[in-house]
N, C-alpha and C. Protein backbone atom coordinates (compact mmCIF):
# COMPACT_ATOMS: atom_id res chain seq x y z
N UNK A 1 56.21 17.94 245.02
CA UNK A 1 56.05 16.93 245.87
C UNK A 1 54.66 16.65 246.06
N UNK A 2 54.11 15.53 246.17
CA UNK A 2 52.71 15.41 246.47
C UNK A 2 52.54 15.57 248.03
N UNK A 3 51.47 16.37 248.30
CA UNK A 3 51.24 16.59 249.87
C UNK A 3 50.16 15.58 250.22
N UNK A 4 50.23 15.42 251.56
CA UNK A 4 49.16 14.34 251.95
C UNK A 4 49.46 12.85 252.04
N UNK A 5 50.56 12.49 251.07
CA UNK A 5 51.11 11.10 251.07
C UNK A 5 51.43 10.81 252.42
N UNK A 6 51.54 9.67 252.72
CA UNK A 6 52.37 9.15 254.04
C UNK A 6 53.15 7.83 253.62
N UNK A 7 54.25 7.63 254.48
CA UNK A 7 55.30 6.58 254.20
C UNK A 7 55.16 5.89 255.65
N UNK A 8 55.17 4.34 255.39
CA UNK A 8 55.23 3.44 256.59
C UNK A 8 56.50 3.73 257.43
N UNK A 9 56.07 3.61 258.54
CA UNK A 9 57.18 3.63 259.54
C UNK A 9 58.41 2.28 259.53
N UNK A 10 57.65 1.46 258.99
CA UNK A 10 58.43 0.36 258.98
C UNK A 10 59.59 0.30 257.78
N UNK A 11 59.42 1.11 256.78
CA UNK A 11 60.29 1.36 255.90
C UNK A 11 61.69 2.11 256.53
N UNK A 12 61.27 3.03 257.34
CA UNK A 12 62.39 3.54 258.19
C UNK A 12 63.21 2.82 259.22
N UNK A 13 62.24 1.91 259.85
CA UNK A 13 62.88 0.96 260.77
C UNK A 13 63.84 -0.03 259.97
N UNK A 14 63.43 -0.43 258.87
CA UNK A 14 64.02 -1.04 258.07
C UNK A 14 65.54 -0.69 257.45
N UNK A 15 65.79 0.47 257.16
CA UNK A 15 66.69 1.30 256.73
C UNK A 15 67.54 1.46 257.98
N UNK A 16 67.03 1.55 259.14
CA UNK A 16 67.72 1.53 260.54
C UNK A 16 68.34 0.32 261.03
N UNK A 17 67.69 -0.35 260.86
CA UNK A 17 68.21 -1.91 260.92
C UNK A 17 69.11 -2.38 259.91
N UNK A 18 69.22 -2.20 259.08
CA UNK A 18 70.14 -2.36 257.80
C UNK A 18 71.37 -1.75 257.84
N UNK A 19 71.36 -0.33 258.33
CA UNK A 19 72.49 0.45 258.72
C UNK A 19 73.46 0.10 259.74
N UNK A 20 72.75 -0.16 260.88
CA UNK A 20 73.10 -0.76 261.92
C UNK A 20 73.85 -2.19 261.95
N UNK A 21 73.01 -2.99 261.25
CA UNK A 21 73.75 -4.45 260.87
C UNK A 21 75.07 -4.22 260.12
N UNK A 22 74.90 -3.41 258.93
CA UNK A 22 76.15 -3.41 258.13
C UNK A 22 77.20 -2.84 259.00
N UNK A 23 77.12 -1.73 259.92
CA UNK A 23 78.32 -1.56 260.59
C UNK A 23 78.45 -2.56 261.62
N UNK A 24 77.91 -3.32 262.36
CA UNK A 24 78.31 -4.29 263.20
C UNK A 24 78.60 -5.37 262.26
N UNK A 25 78.40 -5.73 261.42
CA UNK A 25 78.81 -6.78 260.66
C UNK A 25 80.27 -6.32 259.88
N UNK A 26 80.31 -5.31 259.63
CA UNK A 26 81.66 -4.68 259.24
C UNK A 26 82.74 -4.77 260.33
N UNK A 27 82.23 -4.36 261.45
CA UNK A 27 83.32 -4.41 262.49
C UNK A 27 83.86 -5.94 263.04
N UNK A 28 82.63 -7.01 262.65
CA UNK A 28 82.96 -7.98 263.08
C UNK A 28 83.93 -8.97 261.97
N UNK A 29 83.87 -8.52 260.96
CA UNK A 29 84.78 -8.68 260.13
C UNK A 29 86.16 -8.13 260.20
N UNK A 30 86.22 -7.07 260.40
CA UNK A 30 87.42 -6.26 260.68
C UNK A 30 88.03 -7.17 261.95
N UNK A 31 87.43 -7.15 262.95
CA UNK A 31 87.73 -7.79 264.22
C UNK A 31 88.21 -9.43 264.17
N UNK A 32 87.61 -9.95 262.94
CA UNK A 32 88.21 -11.26 262.59
C UNK A 32 89.34 -11.41 261.81
N UNK A 33 89.67 -10.28 261.16
CA UNK A 33 90.87 -10.18 260.51
C UNK A 33 92.15 -9.82 261.37
N UNK A 34 91.78 -8.96 262.31
CA UNK A 34 92.76 -8.51 263.13
C UNK A 34 92.24 -8.50 264.61
N UNK A 35 92.35 -9.66 265.18
CA UNK A 35 91.91 -9.77 266.33
C UNK A 35 92.30 -9.06 267.64
N UNK A 36 91.59 -8.61 268.63
CA UNK A 36 92.17 -8.14 269.78
C UNK A 36 93.02 -8.64 270.29
N UNK A 37 93.99 -7.81 271.31
CA UNK A 37 95.00 -8.60 272.08
C UNK A 37 94.26 -9.10 273.25
N UNK A 38 93.26 -8.64 273.59
CA UNK A 38 92.69 -9.32 274.88
C UNK A 38 91.38 -9.67 274.37
N UNK A 39 91.13 -11.02 274.13
CA UNK A 39 89.87 -11.33 273.73
C UNK A 39 88.90 -11.78 274.90
N UNK A 40 87.43 -11.53 274.70
CA UNK A 40 86.39 -11.76 275.60
C UNK A 40 86.24 -13.18 275.58
N UNK A 41 85.78 -13.84 276.66
CA UNK A 41 85.29 -15.09 276.81
C UNK A 41 84.75 -15.97 275.54
N UNK A 42 83.98 -15.35 274.78
CA UNK A 42 83.00 -16.01 273.93
C UNK A 42 83.51 -15.30 272.54
N UNK A 43 84.92 -14.96 272.23
CA UNK A 43 85.02 -14.39 271.11
C UNK A 43 85.23 -15.40 269.92
N UNK A 44 85.29 -16.72 270.16
CA UNK A 44 85.40 -17.78 269.15
C UNK A 44 83.73 -17.96 268.38
N UNK A 45 82.80 -17.37 269.25
CA UNK A 45 81.46 -17.64 268.52
C UNK A 45 81.32 -16.47 267.47
N UNK A 46 81.95 -15.23 267.54
CA UNK A 46 81.89 -14.17 266.50
C UNK A 46 80.38 -13.75 266.58
N UNK A 47 79.92 -13.34 267.78
CA UNK A 47 78.48 -12.83 267.77
C UNK A 47 78.20 -11.57 267.17
N UNK A 48 79.16 -10.61 266.68
CA UNK A 48 79.07 -9.37 266.10
C UNK A 48 78.71 -9.98 264.42
N UNK A 49 79.47 -10.88 263.94
CA UNK A 49 79.04 -11.05 262.67
C UNK A 49 77.82 -11.86 262.45
N UNK A 50 77.29 -12.67 263.36
CA UNK A 50 76.25 -13.19 263.12
C UNK A 50 74.75 -12.29 263.42
N UNK A 51 74.84 -11.44 264.62
CA UNK A 51 73.79 -10.47 264.72
C UNK A 51 73.96 -9.46 263.82
N UNK A 52 75.20 -8.83 263.21
CA UNK A 52 75.16 -7.82 262.05
C UNK A 52 74.55 -8.55 261.17
N UNK A 53 74.81 -9.72 260.48
CA UNK A 53 74.17 -10.38 259.36
C UNK A 53 72.75 -10.28 259.52
N UNK A 54 72.20 -10.67 260.40
CA UNK A 54 70.64 -11.00 261.07
C UNK A 54 70.04 -9.50 260.96
N UNK A 55 70.72 -8.52 261.33
CA UNK A 55 70.06 -7.14 261.31
C UNK A 55 69.90 -6.74 259.85
N UNK A 56 71.19 -6.96 259.26
CA UNK A 56 71.20 -6.42 257.75
C UNK A 56 70.24 -7.25 256.92
N UNK A 57 70.05 -8.32 256.98
CA UNK A 57 69.01 -9.27 256.40
C UNK A 57 67.67 -8.82 256.63
N UNK A 58 67.46 -8.78 257.89
CA UNK A 58 66.16 -8.10 258.39
C UNK A 58 65.66 -6.82 257.93
N UNK A 59 66.53 -6.07 257.95
CA UNK A 59 66.31 -4.74 257.68
C UNK A 59 66.24 -4.53 256.11
N UNK A 60 66.81 -5.39 255.45
CA UNK A 60 66.90 -5.43 253.95
C UNK A 60 65.22 -5.65 253.51
N UNK A 61 64.81 -6.84 254.09
CA UNK A 61 63.50 -7.34 254.14
C UNK A 61 62.81 -6.34 254.37
N UNK A 62 62.80 -5.54 255.65
CA UNK A 62 61.57 -4.55 255.73
C UNK A 62 61.65 -3.47 254.85
N UNK A 63 62.84 -2.99 254.28
CA UNK A 63 63.29 -1.95 253.63
C UNK A 63 62.35 -2.24 252.08
N UNK A 64 62.51 -3.50 251.59
CA UNK A 64 61.87 -3.78 250.20
C UNK A 64 60.35 -4.02 250.56
N UNK A 65 60.02 -4.74 251.65
CA UNK A 65 58.56 -5.03 251.76
C UNK A 65 57.87 -3.54 251.99
N UNK A 66 58.21 -2.51 252.73
CA UNK A 66 57.51 -1.50 252.90
C UNK A 66 58.05 -0.23 252.07
N UNK A 67 58.67 -0.56 250.87
CA UNK A 67 59.32 0.61 250.24
C UNK A 67 58.28 1.77 249.55
N UNK A 68 58.38 2.69 249.53
CA UNK A 68 57.56 3.74 249.08
C UNK A 68 57.21 3.43 247.60
N UNK A 69 58.10 3.14 247.05
CA UNK A 69 57.77 2.72 245.34
C UNK A 69 56.93 1.57 245.14
N UNK A 70 57.10 0.63 246.13
CA UNK A 70 56.18 -0.51 246.15
C UNK A 70 54.83 -0.19 246.59
N UNK A 71 54.66 0.57 247.56
CA UNK A 71 53.43 0.96 248.30
C UNK A 71 52.61 1.70 247.00
N UNK A 72 53.33 2.75 246.18
CA UNK A 72 52.68 3.47 245.11
C UNK A 72 52.19 2.51 244.02
N UNK A 73 52.95 1.56 243.67
CA UNK A 73 52.74 0.33 242.70
C UNK A 73 51.42 -0.21 243.04
N UNK A 74 51.21 -0.60 244.41
CA UNK A 74 50.17 -1.04 244.91
C UNK A 74 48.80 -0.30 244.94
N UNK A 75 48.86 0.95 245.03
CA UNK A 75 47.85 1.55 245.21
C UNK A 75 47.52 2.14 243.81
N UNK A 76 48.58 2.19 242.87
CA UNK A 76 47.92 2.67 241.33
C UNK A 76 47.21 1.41 240.96
N UNK A 77 47.71 -0.06 241.16
CA UNK A 77 47.05 -1.25 240.76
C UNK A 77 45.56 -1.23 241.31
N UNK A 78 45.15 -0.67 242.44
CA UNK A 78 43.96 -0.74 242.92
C UNK A 78 43.09 0.26 242.47
N UNK A 79 43.38 1.45 241.80
CA UNK A 79 42.70 2.48 241.21
C UNK A 79 41.70 1.86 239.97
């Protein structure tokens, strides 16, 4: 392993957002398929599906944009 290399913190934030978004989105889909007995007031808006999808997409954008492989390719092109 190469020593002295650094990775962007935004890559890890992207991974975290993507994982949390996938969990929230999956739970929202599950809740849509089998609705709870007592629904909250704004249940029909399905906020967990929308916000889960937003977090998942944002996390994937950050993960791809700041991926270590992309940074290595960018640094190799400047040499």
